[in-house]
Amino acid sequence: RLENKVRELIGDDYPRSGIAFPTGCSINHVAAHYTPNTGDKTVLQYEDVCKIDFGTHINGRIIDCAFTLSFDPKYDNLKAAVKDATNTGIKEAGIDVRLGDIGAAIQEVMESYEVELDG
């Protein structure tokens, strides 16, 4: 359904615009790039962490979008840390900025959070 909505919103017009790659729906220990096959019977559970990754293209220019979904509030601080780190990386990025410096800023933010899961 997500891919159909993407097609609807961007006005899928192959080859000028459309889905850039298969939608990823990775759960828990799978970090990214898992795409369920048609007929997959997996059902999200309360304690699951799900990462959705999808992309579109218009005239060959790709936009990649990813977000994390969870229901259990024990993951809220982890998600806040990741959001803060992502925003820091975006703020630090620019012309003539070394990737290592951006990475260091992201790491500093991530390490400033105290996240404990299941003891």
Protein backbone atom coordinates (compact mmCIF):
# COMPACT_ATOMS: atom_id res chain seq x y z
CA ARG A 1 0.00 0.00 0.00
CA LEU A 2 2.88 2.38 0.72
CA GLU A 3 4.28 1.97 -2.79
CA ASN A 4 0.85 2.56 -4.33
CA LYS A 5 0.47 5.77 -2.28
CA VAL A 6 3.92 6.94 -3.42
CA ARG A 7 2.94 6.31 -7.03
CA GLU A 8 -0.27 8.27 -6.53
CA LEU A 9 1.44 11.24 -4.83
CA ILE A 10 4.28 11.70 -7.32
CA GLY A 11 2.23 10.93 -10.41
CA ASP A 12 4.08 7.78 -11.49
CA ASP A 13 5.06 8.46 -15.09
CA TYR A 14 7.73 5.96 -16.17
CA PRO A 15 10.47 6.76 -17.07
CA ARG A 16 10.21 10.41 -15.94
CA SER A 17 9.09 9.69 -12.36
CA GLY A 18 8.31 6.79 -10.10
CA ILE A 19 9.59 4.55 -7.34
CA ALA A 20 13.39 4.58 -7.15
CA PHE A 21 13.84 1.21 -5.41
CA PRO A 22 11.72 -1.40 -3.59
CA THR A 23 10.30 -0.23 -0.28
CA GLY A 24 12.22 -1.61 2.68
CA CYS A 25 10.37 -2.78 5.76
CA SER A 26 13.01 -4.01 8.21
CA ILE A 27 12.09 -5.27 11.67
CA ASN A 28 14.20 -5.36 14.83
CA HIS A 29 17.72 -6.71 14.21
CA VAL A 30 17.50 -6.17 10.44
CA ALA A 31 18.99 -2.70 10.01
CA ALA A 32 17.75 -1.96 6.49
CA HIS A 33 16.98 -3.15 2.96
CA TYR A 34 14.61 -6.01 3.71
CA THR A 35 11.69 -6.00 1.30
CA PRO A 36 8.84 -8.37 2.15
CA ASN A 37 7.60 -10.49 -0.72
CA THR A 38 3.97 -10.53 -1.77
CA GLY A 39 2.09 -12.78 0.62
CA ASP A 40 4.46 -12.20 3.57
CA LYS A 41 2.36 -12.89 6.68
CA THR A 42 4.55 -10.96 9.15
CA VAL A 43 2.51 -8.91 11.63
CA LEU A 44 4.10 -6.11 13.65
CA GLN A 45 4.05 -6.70 17.40
CA TYR A 46 3.99 -4.18 20.26
CA GLU A 47 7.68 -4.67 21.05
CA ASP A 48 8.91 -4.49 17.43
CA VAL A 49 10.97 -1.69 15.91
CA CYS A 50 10.20 -1.24 12.22
CA LYS A 51 12.27 0.77 9.76
CA ILE A 52 10.53 1.93 6.58
CA ASP A 53 12.77 3.05 3.70
CA PHE A 54 11.40 4.22 0.36
CA GLY A 55 12.59 6.30 -2.52
CA THR A 56 11.21 8.20 -5.46
CA HIS A 57 12.77 9.70 -8.53
CA ILE A 58 11.83 12.52 -10.82
CA ASN A 59 13.88 12.96 -13.98
CA GLY A 60 16.55 10.67 -12.56
CA ARG A 61 16.97 12.57 -9.29
CA ILE A 62 16.47 10.21 -6.37
CA ILE A 63 15.00 11.12 -3.01
CA ASP A 64 15.52 8.56 -0.24
CA CYS A 65 13.32 8.70 2.84
CA ALA A 66 13.43 6.51 5.92
CA PHE A 67 11.70 6.55 9.27
CA THR A 68 11.41 4.32 12.32
CA LEU A 69 8.17 3.16 13.88
CA SER A 70 7.72 1.61 17.30
CA PHE A 71 4.84 1.20 19.71
CA ASP A 72 6.66 0.45 22.97
CA PRO A 73 7.69 3.69 24.73
CA LYS A 74 10.92 2.06 25.92
CA TYR A 75 12.36 3.00 22.50
CA ASP A 76 11.37 6.69 22.71
CA ASN A 77 14.74 7.88 24.05
CA LEU A 78 16.61 5.89 21.40
CA LYS A 79 14.45 7.41 18.66
CA ALA A 80 15.00 10.89 20.13
CA ALA A 81 18.78 10.32 20.09
CA VAL A 82 18.71 9.22 16.45
CA LYS A 83 16.52 12.17 15.43
CA ASP A 84 18.82 14.62 17.22
CA ALA A 85 21.90 13.02 15.66
CA THR A 86 20.34 13.10 12.19
CA ASN A 87 19.44 16.77 12.53
CA THR A 88 22.96 17.51 13.76
CA GLY A 89 24.42 15.81 10.68
CA ILE A 90 22.19 17.89 8.43
CA LYS A 91 23.17 21.11 10.22
CA GLU A 92 26.88 20.26 10.04
CA ALA A 93 26.83 19.36 6.33
CA GLY A 94 27.95 21.87 3.75
CA ILE A 95 30.51 22.77 1.12
CA ASP A 96 34.10 21.98 2.12
CA VAL A 97 33.03 20.15 5.31
CA ARG A 98 34.96 16.94 5.96
CA LEU A 99 32.75 13.86 6.29
CA GLY A 100 34.77 12.85 9.34
CA ASP A 101 33.81 16.10 11.05
CA ILE A 102 30.13 15.47 10.35
CA GLY A 103 30.49 11.93 11.66
CA ALA A 104 32.21 13.18 14.81
CA ALA A 105 29.36 15.62 15.48
CA ILE A 106 26.80 12.85 15.00
CA GLN A 107 28.72 10.50 17.28
CA GLU A 108 28.99 13.15 19.99
CA VAL A 109 25.22 13.63 19.98
CA MET A 110 24.51 9.88 20.04
CA GLU A 111 26.91 9.34 22.93
CA SER A 112 25.32 12.18 24.91
CA TYR A 113 22.12 10.14 25.30
CA GLU A 114 21.76 7.42 27.88
CA VAL A 115 19.74 4.60 26.40
CA GLU A 116 19.12 1.38 28.31
CA LEU A 117 16.95 -1.39 26.90
CA ASP A 118 15.92 -4.46 28.90
CA GLY A 119 18.44 -3.97 31.69
